[in-house]
């Protein structure tokens, strides 16, 4: 492990998480904004549902780890919501089991340490027409926006029950008038525009959460931020300019 030790933010979920560092993804946005403040760790597993996630909880988040994450952002639900096929249920998980699985995940993560915080992302909407066009080689995936909404609402209700912060992605993405045209790469996975919405919603939760210590961007110290004679010169050519907290693009904040 490299030092100095920083807060660790773990992204845990299915393909929405695995692909979160591509296409200007929301994981990459968080890693950029939190550079020199926190380490963003990716634990994304494309195609997974909540059932498989529960099976590996102890391996991904061992309770006896020397260092526990400060924050875990969790997403499962889209694959769970898929219609089962007659021959094989595939990724489908019935709604009651999905809720129970997500509850197990929440309880496990909250038990890691007193200061481990948890945010659940609910299932985002989908563009059914785009899926049929972009992913037709896979046949009928059994995904509908209506079912995503049902699983999203169940996730949000569970979060209220167990005291976990939540981001309502199903609603947040659809607030854009042109969401069907700009939020996806294939009808399911997020484009840069879609990911920007996700990142903003996560940052809003982090800003508003009454957590001690706060995990919001502006509350965490910047690593090695002391003034130094080795800093770049200011335009006056005499004094130095501390660039530790300078970002060239911070629109997502």
C-alpha atoms as a PDB file:
ATOM      1  CA  UNK A   1       0.000   0.000   0.000  1.00  0.00           C
ATOM      2  CA  UNK A   2       1.267   3.443  -0.890  1.00  0.00           C
ATOM      3  CA  UNK A   3       1.085   6.404   1.446  1.00  0.00           C
ATOM      4  CA  UNK A   4       0.079   8.766   2.790  1.00  0.00           C
ATOM      5  CA  UNK A   5      -3.166   7.051   3.685  1.00  0.00           C
ATOM      6  CA  UNK A   6      -6.211   8.746   2.209  1.00  0.00           C
ATOM      7  CA  UNK A   7      -9.941   8.122   2.642  1.00  0.00           C
ATOM      8  CA  UNK A   8     -11.010   5.237   0.419  1.00  0.00           C
ATOM      9  CA  UNK A   9     -14.189   5.469  -1.648  1.00  0.00           C
ATOM     10  CA  UNK A  10     -15.250   2.102  -3.088  1.00  0.00           C
ATOM     11  CA  UNK A  11     -17.624   1.836  -6.055  1.00  0.00           C
ATOM     12  CA  UNK A  12     -19.398  -1.536  -5.885  1.00  0.00           C
ATOM     13  CA  UNK A  13     -21.883  -2.761  -8.435  1.00  0.00           C
ATOM     14  CA  UNK A  14     -22.617  -4.139 -11.874  1.00  0.00           C
ATOM     15  CA  UNK A  15     -21.740  -2.716 -15.300  1.00  0.00           C
ATOM     16  CA  UNK A  16     -22.885   0.806 -14.437  1.00  0.00           C
ATOM     17  CA  UNK A  17     -19.983   0.679 -11.967  1.00  0.00           C
ATOM     18  CA  UNK A  18     -17.509  -1.381 -14.025  1.00  0.00           C
ATOM     19  CA  UNK A  19     -17.807   1.052 -16.940  1.00  0.00           C
ATOM     20  CA  UNK A  20     -17.785   4.172 -14.759  1.00  0.00           C
ATOM     21  CA  UNK A  21     -14.253   5.105 -15.831  1.00  0.00           C
ATOM     22  CA  UNK A  22     -15.038   5.018 -19.570  1.00  0.00           C
ATOM     23  CA  UNK A  23     -16.900   7.534 -21.733  1.00  0.00           C
ATOM     24  CA  UNK A  24     -16.148  10.329 -19.250  1.00  0.00           C
ATOM     25  CA  UNK A  25     -17.862   8.200 -16.629  1.00  0.00           C
ATOM     26  CA  UNK A  26     -19.003   9.188 -13.179  1.00  0.00           C
ATOM     27  CA  UNK A  27     -16.267   7.151 -11.483  1.00  0.00           C
ATOM     28  CA  UNK A  28     -13.644   9.019 -13.481  1.00  0.00           C
ATOM     29  CA  UNK A  29     -15.312  12.326 -12.603  1.00  0.00           C
ATOM     30  CA  UNK A  30     -15.139  11.501  -8.889  1.00  0.00           C
ATOM     31  CA  UNK A  31     -11.518  10.355  -9.185  1.00  0.00           C
ATOM     32  CA  UNK A  32     -10.641  13.627 -10.906  1.00  0.00           C
ATOM     33  CA  UNK A  33     -12.438  15.835  -8.411  1.00  0.00           C
ATOM     34  CA  UNK A  34     -11.065  13.952  -5.395  1.00  0.00           C
ATOM     35  CA  UNK A  35      -7.483  13.717  -6.638  1.00  0.00           C
ATOM     36  CA  UNK A  36      -5.098  14.399  -3.716  1.00  0.00           C
ATOM     37  CA  UNK A  37      -8.040  13.960  -1.334  1.00  0.00           C
ATOM     38  CA  UNK A  38      -9.391  10.380  -1.573  1.00  0.00           C
ATOM     39  CA  UNK A  39      -8.684   7.168  -3.470  1.00  0.00           C
ATOM     40  CA  UNK A  40     -11.528   5.923  -5.679  1.00  0.00           C
ATOM     41  CA  UNK A  41     -11.468   2.120  -5.795  1.00  0.00           C
ATOM     42  CA  UNK A  42     -13.423   0.239  -8.457  1.00  0.00           C
ATOM     43  CA  UNK A  43     -15.197  -3.030  -7.717  1.00  0.00           C
ATOM     44  CA  UNK A  44     -17.529  -3.335 -10.681  1.00  0.00           C
ATOM     45  CA  UNK A  45     -18.816  -6.611 -12.121  1.00  0.00           C
ATOM     46  CA  UNK A  46     -20.654  -6.439 -15.432  1.00  0.00           C
ATOM     47  CA  UNK A  47     -23.781  -8.574 -15.653  1.00  0.00           C
ATOM     48  CA  UNK A  48     -24.087  -9.103 -11.913  1.00  0.00           C
ATOM     49  CA  UNK A  49     -27.228  -8.931  -9.824  1.00  0.00           C
ATOM     50  CA  UNK A  50     -27.745  -8.459  -6.098  1.00  0.00           C
ATOM     51  CA  UNK A  51     -27.724 -12.225  -5.513  1.00  0.00           C
ATOM     52  CA  UNK A  52     -24.142 -12.571  -6.744  1.00  0.00           C
ATOM     53  CA  UNK A  53     -23.114  -9.471  -4.805  1.00  0.00           C
ATOM     54  CA  UNK A  54     -24.283 -10.979  -1.523  1.00  0.00           C
ATOM     55  CA  UNK A  55     -22.273 -14.120  -2.230  1.00  0.00           C
ATOM     56  CA  UNK A  56     -18.959 -12.208  -2.346  1.00  0.00           C
ATOM     57  CA  UNK A  57     -19.528  -9.573   0.332  1.00  0.00           C
ATOM     58  CA  UNK A  58     -17.019 -11.090   2.738  1.00  0.00           C
ATOM     59  CA  UNK A  59     -14.370 -11.300   0.008  1.00  0.00           C
ATOM     60  CA  UNK A  60     -14.796  -7.782  -1.336  1.00  0.00           C
ATOM     61  CA  UNK A  61     -15.362  -6.209   2.088  1.00  0.00           C
ATOM     62  CA  UNK A  62     -13.696  -8.390   4.739  1.00  0.00           C
ATOM     63  CA  UNK A  63     -14.585  -7.289   8.242  1.00  0.00           C
ATOM     64  CA  UNK A  64     -11.043  -7.916   9.477  1.00  0.00           C
ATOM     65  CA  UNK A  65      -9.357  -5.649   6.922  1.00  0.00           C
ATOM     66  CA  UNK A  66      -6.699  -3.370   8.400  1.00  0.00           C
ATOM     67  CA  UNK A  67      -8.234  -0.343   6.676  1.00  0.00           C
ATOM     68  CA  UNK A  68     -11.952   0.009   6.016  1.00  0.00           C
ATOM     69  CA  UNK A  69     -13.442   2.280   3.352  1.00  0.00           C
ATOM     70  CA  UNK A  70     -14.729   5.691   4.318  1.00  0.00           C
ATOM     71  CA  UNK A  71     -17.470   5.460   1.706  1.00  0.00           C
ATOM     72  CA  UNK A  72     -19.073   2.703  -0.368  1.00  0.00           C
ATOM     73  CA  UNK A  73     -21.301   3.616  -3.304  1.00  0.00           C
ATOM     74  CA  UNK A  74     -23.454   0.645  -4.323  1.00  0.00           C
ATOM     75  CA  UNK A  75     -25.439  -0.029  -7.477  1.00  0.00           C
ATOM     76  CA  UNK A  76     -27.442  -3.160  -8.248  1.00  0.00           C
ATOM     77  CA  UNK A  77     -30.932  -3.408  -9.657  1.00  0.00           C
ATOM     78  CA  UNK A  78     -31.032  -3.081 -13.426  1.00  0.00           C
ATOM     79  CA  UNK A  79     -30.074  -6.700 -14.050  1.00  0.00           C
ATOM     80  CA  UNK A  80     -32.277  -7.883 -11.193  1.00  0.00           C
ATOM     81  CA  UNK A  81     -35.275  -6.211 -12.859  1.00  0.00           C
ATOM     82  CA  UNK A  82     -34.975  -8.131 -16.142  1.00  0.00           C
ATOM     83  CA  UNK A  83     -37.902 -10.385 -17.023  1.00  0.00           C
ATOM     84  CA  UNK A  84     -37.074 -14.065 -16.392  1.00  0.00           C
ATOM     85  CA  UNK A  85     -37.059 -16.350 -19.402  1.00  0.00           C
ATOM     86  CA  UNK A  86     -39.086 -19.578 -19.304  1.00  0.00           C
ATOM     87  CA  UNK A  87     -36.009 -21.785 -19.692  1.00  0.00           C
ATOM     88  CA  UNK A  88     -33.699 -19.880 -17.331  1.00  0.00           C
ATOM     89  CA  UNK A  89     -34.290 -16.882 -15.063  1.00  0.00           C
ATOM     90  CA  UNK A  90     -30.849 -15.496 -15.958  1.00  0.00           C
ATOM     91  CA  UNK A  91     -29.983 -12.311 -14.044  1.00  0.00           C
ATOM     92  CA  UNK A  92     -33.562 -11.804 -12.850  1.00  0.00           C
ATOM     93  CA  UNK A  93     -34.066 -11.577  -9.097  1.00  0.00           C
ATOM     94  CA  UNK A  94     -37.646 -11.360  -7.764  1.00  0.00           C
ATOM     95  CA  UNK A  95     -38.384  -8.023  -6.122  1.00  0.00           C
ATOM     96  CA  UNK A  96     -38.733  -9.333  -2.529  1.00  0.00           C
ATOM     97  CA  UNK A  97     -35.387 -11.143  -2.797  1.00  0.00           C
ATOM     98  CA  UNK A  98     -33.767  -8.069  -4.359  1.00  0.00           C
ATOM     99  CA  UNK A  99     -34.863  -5.941  -1.419  1.00  0.00           C
ATOM    100  CA  UNK A 100     -33.592  -8.532   1.044  1.00  0.00           C
ATOM    101  CA  UNK A 101     -30.254  -8.796  -0.766  1.00  0.00           C
ATOM    102  CA  UNK A 102     -29.778  -5.035  -0.751  1.00  0.00           C
ATOM    103  CA  UNK A 103     -30.616  -4.988   2.942  1.00  0.00           C
ATOM    104  CA  UNK A 104     -27.915  -7.598   3.584  1.00  0.00           C
ATOM    105  CA  UNK A 105     -25.425  -5.468   1.647  1.00  0.00           C
ATOM    106  CA  UNK A 106     -26.351  -2.369   3.643  1.00  0.00           C
ATOM    107  CA  UNK A 107     -26.069  -4.149   6.998  1.00  0.00           C
ATOM    108  CA  UNK A 108     -22.703  -5.684   6.086  1.00  0.00           C
ATOM    109  CA  UNK A 109     -21.201  -2.421   4.885  1.00  0.00           C
ATOM    110  CA  UNK A 110     -22.431  -0.424   7.869  1.00  0.00           C
ATOM    111  CA  UNK A 111     -20.823  -3.007  10.166  1.00  0.00           C
ATOM    112  CA  UNK A 112     -17.339  -2.511   8.698  1.00  0.00           C
ATOM    113  CA  UNK A 113     -16.592   0.459  10.930  1.00  0.00           C
ATOM    114  CA  UNK A 114     -18.344   3.271  12.747  1.00  0.00           C
ATOM    115  CA  UNK A 115     -17.197   5.719  10.088  1.00  0.00           C
ATOM    116  CA  UNK A 116     -17.935   3.714   6.947  1.00  0.00           C
ATOM    117  CA  UNK A 117     -20.661   5.593   5.060  1.00  0.00           C
ATOM    118  CA  UNK A 118     -22.913   4.082   2.402  1.00  0.00           C
ATOM    119  CA  UNK A 119     -24.771   5.489  -0.598  1.00  0.00           C
ATOM    120  CA  UNK A 120     -27.096   3.359  -2.749  1.00  0.00           C
ATOM    121  CA  UNK A 121     -27.788   4.286  -6.367  1.00  0.00           C
ATOM    122  CA  UNK A 122     -31.223   3.231  -7.545  1.00  0.00           C
ATOM    123  CA  UNK A 123     -31.796   1.690 -10.963  1.00  0.00           C
ATOM    124  CA  UNK A 124     -31.585   4.337 -13.699  1.00  0.00           C
ATOM    125  CA  UNK A 125     -34.092   4.496 -16.547  1.00  0.00           C
ATOM    126  CA  UNK A 126     -33.359   2.904 -19.906  1.00  0.00           C
ATOM    127  CA  UNK A 127     -34.044   3.715 -23.551  1.00  0.00           C
ATOM    128  CA  UNK A 128     -35.877   0.633 -24.801  1.00  0.00           C
ATOM    129  CA  UNK A 129     -35.757   1.636 -28.472  1.00  0.00           C
ATOM    130  CA  UNK A 130     -32.009   2.269 -28.313  1.00  0.00           C
ATOM    131  CA  UNK A 131     -31.460  -1.123 -26.666  1.00  0.00           C
ATOM    132  CA  UNK A 132     -33.319  -2.885 -29.469  1.00  0.00           C
ATOM    133  CA  UNK A 133     -31.146  -1.111 -32.030  1.00  0.00           C
ATOM    134  CA  UNK A 134     -27.744  -1.180 -30.296  1.00  0.00           C
ATOM    135  CA  UNK A 135     -27.933  -4.598 -28.636  1.00  0.00           C
ATOM    136  CA  UNK A 136     -30.119  -6.534 -31.070  1.00  0.00           C
ATOM    137  CA  UNK A 137     -27.400  -9.189 -31.395  1.00  0.00           C
ATOM    138  CA  UNK A 138     -28.259 -10.202 -27.810  1.00  0.00           C
ATOM    139  CA  UNK A 139     -31.930 -10.659 -28.599  1.00  0.00           C
ATOM    140  CA  UNK A 140     -34.696  -9.625 -26.220  1.00  0.00           C
ATOM    141  CA  UNK A 141     -32.998  -8.687 -22.949  1.00  0.00           C
ATOM    142  CA  UNK A 142     -36.279  -8.469 -21.074  1.00  0.00           C
ATOM    143  CA  UNK A 143     -35.604  -4.919 -19.871  1.00  0.00           C
ATOM    144  CA  UNK A 144     -38.313  -2.291 -19.551  1.00  0.00           C
ATOM    145  CA  UNK A 145     -38.205   1.198 -18.144  1.00  0.00           C
ATOM    146  CA  UNK A 146     -41.306   0.424 -16.099  1.00  0.00           C
ATOM    147  CA  UNK A 147     -39.607  -2.446 -14.271  1.00  0.00           C
ATOM    148  CA  UNK A 148     -36.495  -0.346 -13.670  1.00  0.00           C
ATOM    149  CA  UNK A 149     -38.773   2.188 -12.002  1.00  0.00           C
ATOM    150  CA  UNK A 150     -40.292  -0.484  -9.761  1.00  0.00           C
ATOM    151  CA  UNK A 151     -36.894  -1.725  -8.593  1.00  0.00           C
ATOM    152  CA  UNK A 152     -35.673   1.842  -8.184  1.00  0.00           C
ATOM    153  CA  UNK A 153     -38.571   2.704  -5.896  1.00  0.00           C
ATOM    154  CA  UNK A 154     -38.039  -0.476  -3.857  1.00  0.00           C
ATOM    155  CA  UNK A 155     -34.372   0.453  -3.369  1.00  0.00           C
ATOM    156  CA  UNK A 156     -35.279   3.965  -2.220  1.00  0.00           C
ATOM    157  CA  UNK A 157     -37.844   2.644   0.255  1.00  0.00           C
ATOM    158  CA  UNK A 158     -35.301   0.215   1.675  1.00  0.00           C
ATOM    159  CA  UNK A 159     -32.786   3.028   2.124  1.00  0.00           C
ATOM    160  CA  UNK A 160     -35.289   4.926   4.255  1.00  0.00           C
ATOM    161  CA  UNK A 161     -35.873   1.803   6.319  1.00  0.00           C
ATOM    162  CA  UNK A 162     -32.200   1.038   7.044  1.00  0.00           C
ATOM    163  CA  UNK A 163     -30.876   4.590   7.212  1.00  0.00           C
ATOM    164  CA  UNK A 164     -28.743   4.602   4.059  1.00  0.00           C
ATOM    165  CA  UNK A 165     -28.299   7.622   1.809  1.00  0.00           C
ATOM    166  CA  UNK A 166     -29.748   7.158  -1.676  1.00  0.00           C
ATOM    167  CA  UNK A 167     -29.589   8.677  -5.132  1.00  0.00           C
ATOM    168  CA  UNK A 168     -32.773   8.366  -7.183  1.00  0.00           C
ATOM    169  CA  UNK A 169     -31.215   7.842 -10.612  1.00  0.00           C
ATOM    170  CA  UNK A 170     -34.488   6.799 -12.233  1.00  0.00           C
ATOM    171  CA  UNK A 171     -35.890  10.272 -11.572  1.00  0.00           C
ATOM    172  CA  UNK A 172     -32.679  12.296 -11.879  1.00  0.00           C
ATOM    173  CA  UNK A 173     -31.866  11.249 -15.442  1.00  0.00           C
ATOM    174  CA  UNK A 174     -35.429  11.716 -16.672  1.00  0.00           C
ATOM    175  CA  UNK A 175     -35.477  15.327 -15.500  1.00  0.00           C
ATOM    176  CA  UNK A 176     -33.580  16.211 -18.667  1.00  0.00           C
ATOM    177  CA  UNK A 177     -36.005  16.791 -21.522  1.00  0.00           C
ATOM    178  CA  UNK A 178     -33.615  15.083 -23.935  1.00  0.00           C
ATOM    179  CA  UNK A 179     -32.612  12.209 -21.643  1.00  0.00           C
ATOM    180  CA  UNK A 180     -33.570   9.544 -24.173  1.00  0.00           C
ATOM    181  CA  UNK A 181     -31.204  11.075 -26.725  1.00  0.00           C
ATOM    182  CA  UNK A 182     -28.136  11.938 -24.648  1.00  0.00           C
ATOM    183  CA  UNK A 183     -27.859   9.834 -21.472  1.00  0.00           C
ATOM    184  CA  UNK A 184     -26.862   6.421 -22.866  1.00  0.00           C
ATOM    185  CA  UNK A 185     -24.334   4.780 -25.137  1.00  0.00           C
ATOM    186  CA  UNK A 186     -26.568   1.787 -25.911  1.00  0.00           C
ATOM    187  CA  UNK A 187     -29.810   2.391 -24.050  1.00  0.00           C
ATOM    188  CA  UNK A 188     -28.503   0.926 -20.777  1.00  0.00           C
ATOM    189  CA  UNK A 189     -24.990   2.175 -20.072  1.00  0.00           C
ATOM    190  CA  UNK A 190     -24.283   5.808 -19.400  1.00  0.00           C
ATOM    191  CA  UNK A 191     -22.833   8.377 -21.744  1.00  0.00           C
ATOM    192  CA  UNK A 192     -20.738  11.297 -20.537  1.00  0.00           C
ATOM    193  CA  UNK A 193     -23.892  13.388 -20.149  1.00  0.00           C
ATOM    194  CA  UNK A 194     -25.603  10.651 -18.150  1.00  0.00           C
ATOM    195  CA  UNK A 195     -22.571  10.163 -15.942  1.00  0.00           C
ATOM    196  CA  UNK A 196     -22.358  13.875 -15.239  1.00  0.00           C
ATOM    197  CA  UNK A 197     -25.861  13.725 -13.773  1.00  0.00           C
ATOM    198  CA  UNK A 198     -24.870  10.749 -11.598  1.00  0.00           C
ATOM    199  CA  UNK A 199     -21.739  12.507 -10.332  1.00  0.00           C
ATOM    200  CA  UNK A 200     -23.669  15.690  -9.496  1.00  0.00           C
ATOM    201  CA  UNK A 201     -26.276  13.724  -7.543  1.00  0.00           C
ATOM    202  CA  UNK A 202     -23.584  11.900  -5.558  1.00  0.00           C
ATOM    203  CA  UNK A 203     -21.802  15.173  -4.791  1.00  0.00           C
ATOM    204  CA  UNK A 204     -25.088  16.677  -3.597  1.00  0.00           C
ATOM    205  CA  UNK A 205     -25.557  13.789  -1.170  1.00  0.00           C
ATOM    206  CA  UNK A 206     -22.005  14.172   0.108  1.00  0.00           C
ATOM    207  CA  UNK A 207     -22.484  17.914   0.574  1.00  0.00           C
ATOM    208  CA  UNK A 208     -25.782  17.626   2.418  1.00  0.00           C
ATOM    209  CA  UNK A 209     -24.968  14.598   4.585  1.00  0.00           C
ATOM    210  CA  UNK A 210     -24.407  15.446   8.229  1.00  0.00           C
ATOM    211  CA  UNK A 211     -21.503  13.056   8.576  1.00  0.00           C
ATOM    212  CA  UNK A 212     -18.542  13.511  10.885  1.00  0.00           C
ATOM    213  CA  UNK A 213     -16.079  13.756   9.363  1.00  0.00           C
ATOM    214  CA  UNK A 214     -17.613  15.189   6.221  1.00  0.00           C
ATOM    215  CA  UNK A 215     -16.646  13.459   2.991  1.00  0.00           C
ATOM    216  CA  UNK A 216     -17.565  16.357   0.750  1.00  0.00           C
ATOM    217  CA  UNK A 217     -14.953  17.565  -1.672  1.00  0.00           C
ATOM    218  CA  UNK A 218     -14.376  20.914   0.000  1.00  0.00           C
ATOM    219  CA  UNK A 219     -14.151  19.409   3.491  1.00  0.00           C
ATOM    220  CA  UNK A 220     -11.261  17.007   2.874  1.00  0.00           C
ATOM    221  CA  UNK A 221      -7.669  18.238   3.076  1.00  0.00           C
ATOM    222  CA  UNK A 222      -5.504  18.341  -0.023  1.00  0.00           C
ATOM    223  CA  UNK A 223      -2.431  16.145   0.258  1.00  0.00           C
ATOM    224  CA  UNK A 224       0.934  17.969   0.379  1.00  0.00           C
ATOM    225  CA  UNK A 225      -0.693  21.372  -0.093  1.00  0.00           C
ATOM    226  CA  UNK A 226       1.837  23.492   1.807  1.00  0.00           C
ATOM    227  CA  UNK A 227       3.399  26.434   0.033  1.00  0.00           C
ATOM    228  CA  UNK A 228       6.835  25.661  -1.384  1.00  0.00           C
ATOM    229  CA  UNK A 229       9.624  27.655  -3.042  1.00  0.00           C
ATOM    230  CA  UNK A 230       9.435  24.974  -5.746  1.00  0.00           C
ATOM    231  CA  UNK A 231       5.907  26.049  -6.757  1.00  0.00           C
ATOM    232  CA  UNK A 232       5.482  27.718 -10.170  1.00  0.00           C
ATOM    233  CA  UNK A 233       6.177  31.433 -10.356  1.00  0.00           C
ATOM    234  CA  UNK A 234       3.295  33.886 -10.341  1.00  0.00           C
ATOM    235  CA  UNK A 235       2.882  36.280 -13.272  1.00  0.00           C
ATOM    236  CA  UNK A 236       4.868  38.907 -11.322  1.00  0.00           C
ATOM    237  CA  UNK A 237       7.921  36.665 -11.623  1.00  0.00           C
ATOM    238  CA  UNK A 238       8.751  37.069  -7.937  1.00  0.00           C
ATOM    239  CA  UNK A 239       6.279  35.120  -5.828  1.00  0.00           C
ATOM    240  CA  UNK A 240       5.203  31.501  -6.205  1.00  0.00           C
ATOM    241  CA  UNK A 241       1.751  30.148  -6.975  1.00  0.00           C
ATOM    242  CA  UNK A 242       0.390  27.189  -4.993  1.00  0.00           C
ATOM    243  CA  UNK A 243      -1.458  25.036  -7.543  1.00  0.00           C
ATOM    244  CA  UNK A 244      -2.402  22.186  -5.187  1.00  0.00           C
ATOM    245  CA  UNK A 245      -6.127  22.941  -5.358  1.00  0.00           C
ATOM    246  CA  UNK A 246      -6.336  24.212  -8.918  1.00  0.00           C
ATOM    247  CA  UNK A 247      -8.566  22.222 -11.271  1.00  0.00           C
ATOM    248  CA  UNK A 248      -8.916  23.214 -14.905  1.00  0.00           C
ATOM    249  CA  UNK A 249     -12.482  21.905 -15.127  1.00  0.00           C
ATOM    250  CA  UNK A 250     -14.737  21.716 -12.088  1.00  0.00           C
ATOM    251  CA  UNK A 251     -18.152  22.219 -13.699  1.00  0.00           C
ATOM    252  CA  UNK A 252     -19.555  19.057 -12.114  1.00  0.00           C
ATOM    253  CA  UNK A 253     -19.356  20.622  -8.676  1.00  0.00           C
END
